[in-house]
PDB file of N, CA and C in Angstrom:
ATOM      1  N   MET A   1     -27.146  -2.038 -62.536  1.00  0.00           N
ATOM      2  CA  MET A   1     -26.033  -1.125 -62.571  1.00  0.00           C
ATOM      3  C   MET A   1     -26.536   0.247 -62.996  1.00  0.00           C
ATOM      4  N   ALA A   2     -26.171   1.259 -62.243  1.00  0.00           N
ATOM      5  CA  ALA A   2     -26.609   2.620 -62.541  1.00  0.00           C
ATOM      6  C   ALA A   2     -25.702   3.247 -63.589  1.00  0.00           C
ATOM      7  N   THR A   3     -26.295   4.034 -64.440  1.00  0.00           N
ATOM      8  CA  THR A   3     -25.542   4.790 -65.428  1.00  0.00           C
ATOM      9  C   THR A   3     -25.621   6.249 -65.033  1.00  0.00           C
ATOM     10  N   MET A   4     -24.489   6.911 -65.043  1.00  0.00           N
ATOM     11  CA  MET A   4     -24.456   8.325 -64.697  1.00  0.00           C
ATOM     12  C   MET A   4     -24.693   9.164 -65.952  1.00  0.00           C
ATOM     13  N   LYS A   5     -25.350  10.287 -65.770  1.00  0.00           N
ATOM     14  CA  LYS A   5     -25.438  11.248 -66.855  1.00  0.00           C
ATOM     15  C   LYS A   5     -24.036  11.794 -67.070  1.00  0.00           C
ATOM     16  N   THR A   6     -23.717  12.102 -68.299  1.00  0.00           N
ATOM     17  CA  THR A   6     -22.367  12.567 -68.602  1.00  0.00           C
ATOM     18  C   THR A   6     -21.968  13.748 -67.729  1.00  0.00           C
ATOM     19  N   ASN A   7     -22.872  14.676 -67.474  1.00  0.00           N
ATOM     20  CA  ASN A   7     -22.512  15.846 -66.668  1.00  0.00           C
ATOM     21  C   ASN A   7     -22.345  15.520 -65.178  1.00  0.00           C
ATOM     22  N   GLU A   8     -22.733  14.328 -64.740  1.00  0.00           N
ATOM     23  CA  GLU A   8     -22.542  13.913 -63.345  1.00  0.00           C
ATOM     24  C   GLU A   8     -21.164  13.296 -63.119  1.00  0.00           C
ATOM     25  N   ILE A   9     -20.512  12.891 -64.189  1.00  0.00           N
ATOM     26  CA  ILE A   9     -19.183  12.291 -64.086  1.00  0.00           C
ATOM     27  C   ILE A   9     -18.168  13.423 -63.926  1.00  0.00           C
ATOM     28  N   PRO A  10     -17.242  13.319 -62.957  1.00  0.00           N
ATOM     29  CA  PRO A  10     -16.250  14.377 -62.775  1.00  0.00           C
ATOM     30  C   PRO A  10     -15.505  14.672 -64.078  1.00  0.00           C
ATOM     31  N   SER A  11     -15.166  15.937 -64.278  1.00  0.00           N
ATOM     32  CA  SER A  11     -14.563  16.373 -65.537  1.00  0.00           C
ATOM     33  C   SER A  11     -13.274  15.622 -65.861  1.00  0.00           C
ATOM     34  N   TRP A  12     -12.480  15.258 -64.841  1.00  0.00           N
ATOM     35  CA  TRP A  12     -11.220  14.562 -65.125  1.00  0.00           C
ATOM     36  C   TRP A  12     -11.467  13.163 -65.685  1.00  0.00           C
ATOM     37  N   LEU A  13     -12.597  12.545 -65.381  1.00  0.00           N
ATOM     38  CA  LEU A  13     -12.957  11.255 -65.979  1.00  0.00           C
ATOM     39  C   LEU A  13     -13.745  11.434 -67.275  1.00  0.00           C
ATOM     40  N   ARG A  14     -14.511  12.498 -67.343  1.00  0.00           N
ATOM     41  CA  ARG A  14     -15.315  12.775 -68.533  1.00  0.00           C
ATOM     42  C   ARG A  14     -14.435  12.937 -69.764  1.00  0.00           C
ATOM     43  N   ALA A  15     -13.205  13.399 -69.559  1.00  0.00           N
ATOM     44  CA  ALA A  15     -12.263  13.539 -70.674  1.00  0.00           C
ATOM     45  C   ALA A  15     -12.066  12.205 -71.380  1.00  0.00           C
ATOM     46  N   GLY A  16     -12.127  11.109 -70.634  1.00  0.00           N
ATOM     47  CA  GLY A  16     -11.981   9.785 -71.231  1.00  0.00           C
ATOM     48  C   GLY A  16     -13.141   9.399 -72.129  1.00  0.00           C
ATOM     49  N   LEU A  17     -14.322   9.939 -71.854  1.00  0.00           N
ATOM     50  CA  LEU A  17     -15.483   9.648 -72.694  1.00  0.00           C
ATOM     51  C   LEU A  17     -15.409  10.370 -74.024  1.00  0.00           C
ATOM     52  N   ASP A  18     -14.568  11.391 -74.108  1.00  0.00           N
ATOM     53  CA  ASP A  18     -14.405  12.128 -75.351  1.00  0.00           C
ATOM     54  C   ASP A  18     -13.471  11.419 -76.322  1.00  0.00           C
ATOM     55  N   VAL A  19     -12.787  10.395 -75.857  1.00  0.00           N
ATOM     56  CA  VAL A  19     -11.861   9.643 -76.700  1.00  0.00           C
ATOM     57  C   VAL A  19     -12.661   8.877 -77.747  1.00  0.00           C
ATOM     58  N   GLU A  20     -12.144   8.849 -78.957  1.00  0.00           N
ATOM     59  CA  GLU A  20     -12.854   8.199 -80.060  1.00  0.00           C
ATOM     60  C   GLU A  20     -12.876   6.672 -79.957  1.00  0.00           C
ATOM     61  N   ALA A  21     -11.849   6.069 -79.383  1.00  0.00           N
ATOM     62  CA  ALA A  21     -11.739   4.606 -79.375  1.00  0.00           C
ATOM     63  C   ALA A  21     -12.657   3.993 -78.325  1.00  0.00           C
ATOM     64  N   ALA A  22     -13.798   3.505 -78.760  1.00  0.00           N
ATOM     65  CA  ALA A  22     -14.745   2.851 -77.852  1.00  0.00           C
ATOM     66  C   ALA A  22     -14.748   1.363 -78.141  1.00  0.00           C
ATOM     67  N   ASP A  23     -14.791   0.565 -77.084  1.00  0.00           N
ATOM     68  CA  ASP A  23     -14.835  -0.887 -77.209  1.00  0.00           C
ATOM     69  C   ASP A  23     -16.291  -1.309 -77.344  1.00  0.00           C
ATOM     70  N   GLY A  24     -16.797  -1.320 -78.560  1.00  0.00           N
ATOM     71  CA  GLY A  24     -18.176  -1.718 -78.785  1.00  0.00           C
ATOM     72  C   GLY A  24     -18.277  -3.139 -79.290  1.00  0.00           C
ATOM     73  N   VAL A  25     -17.165  -3.860 -79.285  1.00  0.00           N
ATOM     74  CA  VAL A  25     -17.111  -5.200 -79.861  1.00  0.00           C
ATOM     75  C   VAL A  25     -17.721  -6.251 -78.940  1.00  0.00           C
ATOM     76  N   LEU A  26     -17.501  -6.103 -77.651  1.00  0.00           N
ATOM     77  CA  LEU A  26     -17.955  -7.122 -76.720  1.00  0.00           C
ATOM     78  C   LEU A  26     -19.450  -6.979 -76.450  1.00  0.00           C
ATOM     79  N   ASN A  27     -20.207  -8.018 -76.747  1.00  0.00           N
ATOM     80  CA  ASN A  27     -21.658  -7.975 -76.603  1.00  0.00           C
ATOM     81  C   ASN A  27     -22.127  -7.869 -75.155  1.00  0.00           C
ATOM     82  N   LYS A  28     -21.279  -8.242 -74.211  1.00  0.00           N
ATOM     83  CA  LYS A  28     -21.703  -8.211 -72.815  1.00  0.00           C
ATOM     84  C   LYS A  28     -21.802  -6.790 -72.265  1.00  0.00           C
ATOM     85  N   ARG A  29     -21.274  -5.832 -72.962  1.00  0.00           N
ATOM     86  CA  ARG A  29     -21.274  -4.451 -72.493  1.00  0.00           C
ATOM     87  C   ARG A  29     -22.593  -3.763 -72.809  1.00  0.00           C
ATOM     88  N   THR A  30     -23.123  -3.051 -71.837  1.00  0.00           N
ATOM     89  CA  THR A  30     -24.329  -2.268 -72.074  1.00  0.00           C
ATOM     90  C   THR A  30     -23.953  -0.842 -72.461  1.00  0.00           C
ATOM     91  N   GLU A  31     -22.769  -0.413 -72.096  1.00  0.00           N
ATOM     92  CA  GLU A  31     -22.247   0.911 -72.430  1.00  0.00           C
ATOM     93  C   GLU A  31     -20.891   0.731 -73.099  1.00  0.00           C
ATOM     94  N   PRO A  32     -20.601   1.483 -74.151  1.00  0.00           N
ATOM     95  CA  PRO A  32     -19.259   1.389 -74.739  1.00  0.00           C
ATOM     96  C   PRO A  32     -18.204   1.871 -73.757  1.00  0.00           C
ATOM     97  N   ARG A  33     -17.095   1.174 -73.705  1.00  0.00           N
ATOM     98  CA  ARG A  33     -15.966   1.555 -72.856  1.00  0.00           C
ATOM     99  C   ARG A  33     -14.941   2.251 -73.735  1.00  0.00           C
ATOM    100  N   HIS A  34     -14.455   3.370 -73.264  1.00  0.00           N
ATOM    101  CA  HIS A  34     -13.468   4.148 -73.991  1.00  0.00           C
ATOM    102  C   HIS A  34     -12.101   3.907 -73.375  1.00  0.00           C
ATOM    103  N   GLY A  35     -11.167   3.395 -74.177  1.00  0.00           N
ATOM    104  CA  GLY A  35      -9.808   3.173 -73.691  1.00  0.00           C
ATOM    105  C   GLY A  35      -9.198   4.499 -73.292  1.00  0.00           C
ATOM    106  N   TRP A  36      -8.801   4.617 -72.040  1.00  0.00           N
ATOM    107  CA  TRP A  36      -8.282   5.882 -71.533  1.00  0.00           C
ATOM    108  C   TRP A  36      -7.416   5.592 -70.325  1.00  0.00           C
ATOM    109  N   VAL A  37      -6.141   5.924 -70.410  1.00  0.00           N
ATOM    110  CA  VAL A  37      -5.193   5.604 -69.349  1.00  0.00           C
ATOM    111  C   VAL A  37      -4.768   6.886 -68.643  1.00  0.00           C
ATOM    112  N   THR A  38      -4.916   6.900 -67.329  1.00  0.00           N
ATOM    113  CA  THR A  38      -4.455   8.021 -66.510  1.00  0.00           C
ATOM    114  C   THR A  38      -4.155   7.509 -65.101  1.00  0.00           C
ATOM    115  N   MET A  39      -3.173   8.102 -64.465  1.00  0.00           N
ATOM    116  CA  MET A  39      -2.834   7.710 -63.099  1.00  0.00           C
ATOM    117  C   MET A  39      -3.843   8.315 -62.129  1.00  0.00           C
ATOM    118  N   THR A  40      -4.237   7.517 -61.159  1.00  0.00           N
ATOM    119  CA  THR A  40      -5.304   7.884 -60.237  1.00  0.00           C
ATOM    120  C   THR A  40      -4.942   7.431 -58.832  1.00  0.00           C
ATOM    121  N   ARG A  41      -5.471   8.118 -57.840  1.00  0.00           N
ATOM    122  CA  ARG A  41      -5.313   7.695 -56.441  1.00  0.00           C
ATOM    123  C   ARG A  41      -6.623   7.090 -55.981  1.00  0.00           C
ATOM    124  N   ALA A  42      -6.526   6.018 -55.227  1.00  0.00           N
ATOM    125  CA  ALA A  42      -7.715   5.368 -54.672  1.00  0.00           C
ATOM    126  C   ALA A  42      -7.552   5.250 -53.164  1.00  0.00           C
ATOM    127  N   ARG A  43      -8.660   5.391 -52.484  1.00  0.00           N
ATOM    128  CA  ARG A  43      -8.688   5.245 -51.025  1.00  0.00           C
ATOM    129  C   ARG A  43      -9.948   4.462 -50.687  1.00  0.00           C
ATOM    130  N   LEU A  44      -9.871   3.596 -49.694  1.00  0.00           N
ATOM    131  CA  LEU A  44     -11.053   2.864 -49.268  1.00  0.00           C
ATOM    132  C   LEU A  44     -12.096   3.845 -48.771  1.00  0.00           C
ATOM    133  N   ALA A  45     -13.315   3.740 -49.264  1.00  0.00           N
ATOM    134  CA  ALA A  45     -14.370   4.692 -48.916  1.00  0.00           C
ATOM    135  C   ALA A  45     -14.753   4.605 -47.439  1.00  0.00           C
ATOM    136  N   ARG A  46     -14.741   3.417 -46.869  1.00  0.00           N
ATOM    137  CA  ARG A  46     -15.174   3.237 -45.481  1.00  0.00           C
ATOM    138  C   ARG A  46     -14.063   3.490 -44.469  1.00  0.00           C
ATOM    139  N   ALA A  47     -12.846   3.690 -44.952  1.00  0.00           N
ATOM    140  CA  ALA A  47     -11.707   3.958 -44.070  1.00  0.00           C
ATOM    141  C   ALA A  47     -10.880   5.086 -44.686  1.00  0.00           C
ATOM    142  N   PRO A  48     -11.385   6.326 -44.607  1.00  0.00           N
ATOM    143  CA  PRO A  48     -10.745   7.439 -45.309  1.00  0.00           C
ATOM    144  C   PRO A  48      -9.320   7.754 -44.872  1.00  0.00           C
ATOM    145  N   ASN A  49      -8.901   7.266 -43.719  1.00  0.00           N
ATOM    146  CA  ASN A  49      -7.545   7.547 -43.250  1.00  0.00           C
ATOM    147  C   ASN A  49      -6.539   6.481 -43.655  1.00  0.00           C
ATOM    148  N   THR A  50      -6.958   5.524 -44.482  1.00  0.00           N
ATOM    149  CA  THR A  50      -6.038   4.486 -44.933  1.00  0.00           C
ATOM    150  C   THR A  50      -5.092   5.051 -45.992  1.00  0.00           C
ATOM    151  N   GLU A  51      -4.032   4.315 -46.251  1.00  0.00           N
ATOM    152  CA  GLU A  51      -3.058   4.774 -47.238  1.00  0.00           C
ATOM    153  C   GLU A  51      -3.679   4.800 -48.636  1.00  0.00           C
ATOM    154  N   LEU A  52      -3.149   5.673 -49.456  1.00  0.00           N
ATOM    155  CA  LEU A  52      -3.608   5.768 -50.834  1.00  0.00           C
ATOM    156  C   LEU A  52      -3.078   4.594 -51.643  1.00  0.00           C
ATOM    157  N   ILE A  53      -3.872   4.131 -52.566  1.00  0.00           N
ATOM    158  CA  ILE A  53      -3.487   3.058 -53.475  1.00  0.00           C
ATOM    159  C   ILE A  53      -3.293   3.698 -54.837  1.00  0.00           C
ATOM    160  N   SER A  54      -2.143   3.482 -55.449  1.00  0.00           N
ATOM    161  CA  SER A  54      -1.897   4.004 -56.782  1.00  0.00           C
ATOM    162  C   SER A  54      -2.535   3.063 -57.804  1.00  0.00           C
ATOM    163  N   VAL A  55      -3.391   3.602 -58.647  1.00  0.00           N
ATOM    164  CA  VAL A  55      -4.062   2.811 -59.668  1.00  0.00           C
ATOM    165  C   VAL A  55      -3.970   3.548 -60.995  1.00  0.00           C
ATOM    166  N   LYS A  56      -4.210   2.819 -62.066  1.00  0.00           N
ATOM    167  CA  LYS A  56      -4.229   3.405 -63.397  1.00  0.00           C
ATOM    168  C   LYS A  56      -5.580   3.090 -64.015  1.00  0.00           C
ATOM    169  N   THR A  57      -6.287   4.105 -64.495  1.00  0.00           N
ATOM    170  CA  THR A  57      -7.529   3.807 -65.198  1.00  0.00           C
ATOM    171  C   THR A  57      -7.157   3.174 -66.531  1.00  0.00           C
ATOM    172  N   TYR A  58      -7.949   2.219 -66.937  1.00  0.00           N
ATOM    173  CA  TYR A  58      -7.705   1.477 -68.174  1.00  0.00           C
ATOM    174  C   TYR A  58      -8.739   1.856 -69.233  1.00  0.00           C
ATOM    175  N   ASN A  59      -9.989   1.982 -68.780  1.00  0.00           N
ATOM    176  CA  ASN A  59     -11.048   2.459 -69.658  1.00  0.00           C
ATOM    177  C   ASN A  59     -12.173   3.031 -68.800  1.00  0.00           C
ATOM    178  N   VAL A  60     -13.078   3.758 -69.454  1.00  0.00           N
ATOM    179  CA  VAL A  60     -14.159   4.427 -68.734  1.00  0.00           C
ATOM    180  C   VAL A  60     -15.422   4.412 -69.588  1.00  0.00           C
ATOM    181  N   SER A  61     -16.572   4.343 -68.922  1.00  0.00           N
ATOM    182  CA  SER A  61     -17.866   4.448 -69.592  1.00  0.00           C
ATOM    183  C   SER A  61     -18.786   5.253 -68.684  1.00  0.00           C
ATOM    184  N   ARG A  62     -20.027   5.438 -69.095  1.00  0.00           N
ATOM    185  CA  ARG A  62     -20.971   6.170 -68.249  1.00  0.00           C
ATOM    186  C   ARG A  62     -21.431   5.340 -67.055  1.00  0.00           C
ATOM    187  N   SER A  63     -21.161   4.031 -67.048  1.00  0.00           N
ATOM    188  CA  SER A  63     -21.595   3.194 -65.932  1.00  0.00           C
ATOM    189  C   SER A  63     -20.454   2.778 -65.004  1.00  0.00           C
ATOM    190  N   GLY A  64     -19.210   2.980 -65.426  1.00  0.00           N
ATOM    191  CA  GLY A  64     -18.099   2.590 -64.570  1.00  0.00           C
ATOM    192  C   GLY A  64     -16.768   2.705 -65.268  1.00  0.00           C
ATOM    193  N   LEU A  65     -15.782   2.045 -64.686  1.00  0.00           N
ATOM    194  CA  LEU A  65     -14.446   2.091 -65.258  1.00  0.00           C
ATOM    195  C   LEU A  65     -13.673   0.847 -64.871  1.00  0.00           C
ATOM    196  N   CYS A  66     -12.537   0.676 -65.516  1.00  0.00           N
ATOM    197  CA  CYS A  66     -11.639  -0.436 -65.201  1.00  0.00           C
ATOM    198  C   CYS A  66     -10.324   0.157 -64.718  1.00  0.00           C
ATOM    199  N   LEU A  67      -9.782  -0.426 -63.669  1.00  0.00           N
ATOM    200  CA  LEU A  67      -8.525   0.014 -63.079  1.00  0.00           C
ATOM    201  C   LEU A  67      -7.487  -1.093 -63.174  1.00  0.00           C
ATOM    202  N   ILE A  68      -6.233  -0.710 -63.190  1.00  0.00           N
ATOM    203  CA  ILE A  68      -5.126  -1.653 -63.070  1.00  0.00           C
ATOM    204  C   ILE A  68      -4.385  -1.270 -61.789  1.00  0.00           C
ATOM    205  N   THR A  69      -4.123  -2.251 -60.928  1.00  0.00           N
ATOM    206  CA  THR A  69      -3.417  -1.994 -59.675  1.00  0.00           C
ATOM    207  C   THR A  69      -2.608  -3.223 -59.275  1.00  0.00           C
ATOM    208  N   ARG A  70      -1.669  -3.032 -58.395  1.00  0.00           N
ATOM    209  CA  ARG A  70      -0.877  -4.157 -57.881  1.00  0.00           C
ATOM    210  C   ARG A  70      -1.535  -4.788 -56.666  1.00  0.00           C
ATOM    211  N   LYS A  71      -2.581  -4.161 -56.158  1.00  0.00           N
ATOM    212  CA  LYS A  71      -3.252  -4.637 -54.946  1.00  0.00           C
ATOM    213  C   LYS A  71      -4.553  -5.337 -55.317  1.00  0.00           C
ATOM    214  N   GLN A  72      -4.767  -6.524 -54.777  1.00  0.00           N
ATOM    215  CA  GLN A  72      -6.021  -7.235 -55.007  1.00  0.00           C
ATOM    216  C   GLN A  72      -7.136  -6.552 -54.219  1.00  0.00           C
ATOM    217  N   LEU A  73      -8.252  -6.316 -54.888  1.00  0.00           N
ATOM    218  CA  LEU A  73      -9.413  -5.693 -54.259  1.00  0.00           C
ATOM    219  C   LEU A  73     -10.586  -6.651 -54.353  1.00  0.00           C
ATOM    220  N   HIS A  74     -11.357  -6.759 -53.311  1.00  0.00           N
ATOM    221  CA  HIS A  74     -12.455  -7.719 -53.265  1.00  0.00           C
ATOM    222  C   HIS A  74     -13.755  -7.114 -53.784  1.00  0.00           C
ATOM    223  N   ASP A  75     -14.584  -7.967 -54.371  1.00  0.00           N
ATOM    224  CA  ASP A  75     -15.890  -7.538 -54.869  1.00  0.00           C
ATOM    225  C   ASP A  75     -16.657  -6.839 -53.757  1.00  0.00           C
ATOM    226  N   GLY A  76     -17.315  -5.746 -54.105  1.00  0.00           N
ATOM    227  CA  GLY A  76     -18.099  -4.998 -53.132  1.00  0.00           C
ATOM    228  C   GLY A  76     -17.324  -3.895 -52.427  1.00  0.00           C
ATOM    229  N   THR A  77     -15.995  -3.910 -52.521  1.00  0.00           N
ATOM    230  CA  THR A  77     -15.185  -2.851 -51.903  1.00  0.00           C
ATOM    231  C   THR A  77     -15.505  -1.523 -52.570  1.00  0.00           C
ATOM    232  N   GLU A  78     -15.740  -0.496 -51.763  1.00  0.00           N
ATOM    233  CA  GLU A  78     -15.992   0.829 -52.315  1.00  0.00           C
ATOM    234  C   GLU A  78     -14.745   1.681 -52.168  1.00  0.00           C
ATOM    235  N   LEU A  79     -14.417   2.386 -53.250  1.00  0.00           N
ATOM    236  CA  LEU A  79     -13.243   3.243 -53.308  1.00  0.00           C
ATOM    237  C   LEU A  79     -13.647   4.664 -53.647  1.00  0.00           C
ATOM    238  N   VAL A  80     -12.826   5.604 -53.223  1.00  0.00           N
ATOM    239  CA  VAL A  80     -12.964   6.990 -53.651  1.00  0.00           C
ATOM    240  C   VAL A  80     -11.743   7.276 -54.513  1.00  0.00           C
ATOM    241  N   LEU A  81     -11.985   7.689 -55.761  1.00  0.00           N
ATOM    242  CA  LEU A  81     -10.908   7.956 -56.715  1.00  0.00           C
ATOM    243  C   LEU A  81     -10.734   9.458 -56.914  1.00  0.00           C
ATOM    244  N   THR A  82      -9.475   9.882 -57.018  1.00  0.00           N
ATOM    245  CA  THR A  82      -9.147  11.262 -57.360  1.00  0.00           C
ATOM    246  C   THR A  82      -8.003  11.222 -58.370  1.00  0.00           C
ATOM    247  N   PRO A  83      -7.885  12.264 -59.202  1.00  0.00           N
ATOM    248  CA  PRO A  83      -6.795  12.270 -60.183  1.00  0.00           C
ATOM    249  C   PRO A  83      -5.442  12.427 -59.497  1.00  0.00           C
ATOM    250  N   MET A  84      -4.416  11.829 -60.070  1.00  0.00           N
ATOM    251  CA  MET A  84      -3.079  11.846 -59.461  1.00  0.00           C
ATOM    252  C   MET A  84      -2.369  13.184 -59.659  1.00  0.00           C
ATOM    253  N   HIS A  85      -2.421  13.734 -60.841  1.00  0.00           N
ATOM    254  CA  HIS A  85      -1.575  14.890 -61.167  1.00  0.00           C
ATOM    255  C   HIS A  85      -2.347  16.190 -61.362  1.00  0.00           C
ATOM    256  N   GLU A  86      -3.575  16.228 -60.928  1.00  0.00           N
ATOM    257  CA  GLU A  86      -4.367  17.446 -61.076  1.00  0.00           C
ATOM    258  C   GLU A  86      -5.429  17.455 -59.990  1.00  0.00           C
ATOM    259  N   THR A  87      -6.115  18.544 -59.867  1.00  0.00           N
ATOM    260  CA  THR A  87      -7.209  18.588 -58.910  1.00  0.00           C
ATOM    261  C   THR A  87      -8.479  18.162 -59.632  1.00  0.00           C
ATOM    262  N   GLY A  88      -9.391  17.653 -58.912  1.00  0.00           N
ATOM    263  CA  GLY A  88     -10.648  17.219 -59.499  1.00  0.00           C
ATOM    264  C   GLY A  88     -11.539  16.631 -58.437  1.00  0.00           C
ATOM    265  N   GLU A  89     -12.832  16.617 -58.743  1.00  0.00           N
ATOM    266  CA  GLU A  89     -13.793  16.086 -57.790  1.00  0.00           C
ATOM    267  C   GLU A  89     -13.586  14.583 -57.625  1.00  0.00           C
ATOM    268  N   PRO A  90     -13.718  14.082 -56.405  1.00  0.00           N
ATOM    269  CA  PRO A  90     -13.616  12.639 -56.199  1.00  0.00           C
ATOM    270  C   PRO A  90     -14.830  11.926 -56.781  1.00  0.00           C
ATOM    271  N   VAL A  91     -14.659  10.669 -57.088  1.00  0.00           N
ATOM    272  CA  VAL A  91     -15.771   9.845 -57.559  1.00  0.00           C
ATOM    273  C   VAL A  91     -15.735   8.539 -56.768  1.00  0.00           C
ATOM    274  N   ARG A  92     -16.909   8.055 -56.381  1.00  0.00           N
ATOM    275  CA  ARG A  92     -17.013   6.816 -55.604  1.00  0.00           C
ATOM    276  C   ARG A  92     -17.374   5.677 -56.541  1.00  0.00           C
ATOM    277  N   VAL A  93     -16.665   4.558 -56.396  1.00  0.00           N
ATOM    278  CA  VAL A  93     -16.910   3.379 -57.225  1.00  0.00           C
ATOM    279  C   VAL A  93     -16.988   2.140 -56.347  1.00  0.00           C
ATOM    280  N   ARG A  94     -17.612   1.088 -56.867  1.00  0.00           N
ATOM    281  CA  ARG A  94     -17.723  -0.204 -56.181  1.00  0.00           C
ATOM    282  C   ARG A  94     -17.093  -1.263 -57.077  1.00  0.00           C
ATOM    283  N   VAL A  95     -16.217  -2.091 -56.501  1.00  0.00           N
ATOM    284  CA  VAL A  95     -15.563  -3.169 -57.244  1.00  0.00           C
ATOM    285  C   VAL A  95     -16.594  -4.242 -57.567  1.00  0.00           C
ATOM    286  N   VAL A  96     -16.682  -4.631 -58.847  1.00  0.00           N
ATOM    287  CA  VAL A  96     -17.593  -5.705 -59.245  1.00  0.00           C
ATOM    288  C   VAL A  96     -16.833  -6.964 -59.663  1.00  0.00           C
ATOM    289  N   HIS A  97     -15.562  -6.806 -60.010  1.00  0.00           N
ATOM    290  CA  HIS A  97     -14.719  -7.983 -60.248  1.00  0.00           C
ATOM    291  C   HIS A  97     -13.256  -7.576 -60.211  1.00  0.00           C
ATOM    292  N   CYS A  98     -12.410  -8.533 -59.885  1.00  0.00           N
ATOM    293  CA  CYS A  98     -10.970  -8.305 -59.804  1.00  0.00           C
ATOM    294  C   CYS A  98     -10.279  -9.545 -60.344  1.00  0.00           C
ATOM    295  N   LYS A  99      -9.495  -9.375 -61.392  1.00  0.00           N
ATOM    296  CA  LYS A  99      -8.855 -10.509 -62.050  1.00  0.00           C
ATOM    297  C   LYS A  99      -7.352 -10.259 -62.144  1.00  0.00           C
ATOM    298  N   GLN A 100      -6.564 -11.248 -61.718  1.00  0.00           N
ATOM    299  CA  GLN A 100      -5.114 -11.108 -61.799  1.00  0.00           C
ATOM    300  C   GLN A 100      -4.674 -11.315 -63.240  1.00  0.00           C
ATOM    301  N   THR A 101      -3.840 -10.392 -63.727  1.00  0.00           N
ATOM    302  CA  THR A 101      -3.289 -10.478 -65.077  1.00  0.00           C
ATOM    303  C   THR A 101      -1.788 -10.246 -64.995  1.00  0.00           C
ATOM    304  N   ILE A 102      -1.132 -10.323 -66.109  1.00  0.00           N
ATOM    305  CA  ILE A 102       0.308 -10.077 -66.138  1.00  0.00           C
ATOM    306  C   ILE A 102       0.632  -8.621 -65.793  1.00  0.00           C
ATOM    307  N   GLN A 103      -0.300  -7.710 -66.036  1.00  0.00           N
ATOM    308  CA  GLN A 103      -0.114  -6.289 -65.730  1.00  0.00           C
ATOM    309  C   GLN A 103      -0.337  -5.969 -64.252  1.00  0.00           C
ATOM    310  N   GLY A 104      -0.952  -6.864 -63.534  1.00  0.00           N
ATOM    311  CA  GLY A 104      -1.371  -6.633 -62.153  1.00  0.00           C
ATOM    312  C   GLY A 104      -2.811  -7.080 -62.038  1.00  0.00           C
ATOM    313  N   TYR A 105      -3.572  -6.463 -61.187  1.00  0.00           N
ATOM    314  CA  TYR A 105      -4.991  -6.809 -61.058  1.00  0.00           C
ATOM    315  C   TYR A 105      -5.822  -5.865 -61.918  1.00  0.00           C
ATOM    316  N   LYS A 106      -6.687  -6.422 -62.733  1.00  0.00           N
ATOM    317  CA  LYS A 106      -7.624  -5.657 -63.540  1.00  0.00           C
ATOM    318  C   LYS A 106      -8.929  -5.627 -62.749  1.00  0.00           C
ATOM    319  N   VAL A 107      -9.360  -4.423 -62.370  1.00  0.00           N
ATOM    320  CA  VAL A 107     -10.483  -4.259 -61.460  1.00  0.00           C
ATOM    321  C   VAL A 107     -11.608  -3.522 -62.167  1.00  0.00           C
ATOM    322  N   GLY A 108     -12.733  -4.198 -62.338  1.00  0.00           N
ATOM    323  CA  GLY A 108     -13.928  -3.571 -62.919  1.00  0.00           C
ATOM    324  C   GLY A 108     -14.729  -2.919 -61.820  1.00  0.00           C
ATOM    325  N   CYS A 109     -15.112  -1.666 -62.029  1.00  0.00           N
ATOM    326  CA  CYS A 109     -15.852  -0.902 -61.015  1.00  0.00           C
ATOM    327  C   CYS A 109     -17.069  -0.248 -61.641  1.00  0.00           C
ATOM    328  N   GLU A 110     -18.126  -0.129 -60.822  1.00  0.00           N
ATOM    329  CA  GLU A 110     -19.288   0.634 -61.240  1.00  0.00           C
ATOM    330  C   GLU A 110     -19.346   1.896 -60.395  1.00  0.00           C
ATOM    331  N   PHE A 111     -19.872   2.967 -60.988  1.00  0.00           N
ATOM    332  CA  PHE A 111     -20.021   4.202 -60.233  1.00  0.00           C
ATOM    333  C   PHE A 111     -21.088   4.006 -59.170  1.00  0.00           C
ATOM    334  N   VAL A 112     -20.879   4.575 -58.003  1.00  0.00           N
ATOM    335  CA  VAL A 112     -21.868   4.571 -56.938  1.00  0.00           C
ATOM    336  C   VAL A 112     -22.629   5.878 -57.077  1.00  0.00           C
ATOM    337  N   VAL A 113     -23.903   5.752 -57.405  1.00  0.00           N
ATOM    338  CA  VAL A 113     -24.744   6.919 -57.625  1.00  0.00           C
ATOM    339  C   VAL A 113     -25.605   7.140 -56.386  1.00  0.00           C
ATOM    340  N   ASN A 114     -25.581   8.337 -55.851  1.00  0.00           N
ATOM    341  CA  ASN A 114     -26.357   8.640 -54.640  1.00  0.00           C
ATOM    342  C   ASN A 114     -27.819   8.753 -54.945  1.00  0.00           C
TER     343      ASN A 114
END
């Protein structure tokens, strides 16, 4: 899994890394995840003309983020994310797991680094 330098992460997501609450409790994590909720738009990377999927970021780290959505996404699916209520650079992510929860689907994503 690639880790992005902080300055490579779009500013609208970087704001989440400034949050003090980091999930450092889980030993399986290589990077601390910062709890940060914001509404986001997602589009399939390989089909840019598809409809937008409304998602909510749940947490963010330098290696990826977690999304909550009502749509099931399959492992390996690549998405392009943009902020919902502001302008900002898009970021490309790859789904690494998708788990159904009471909130919807919790989707773990890693950043796609060129």
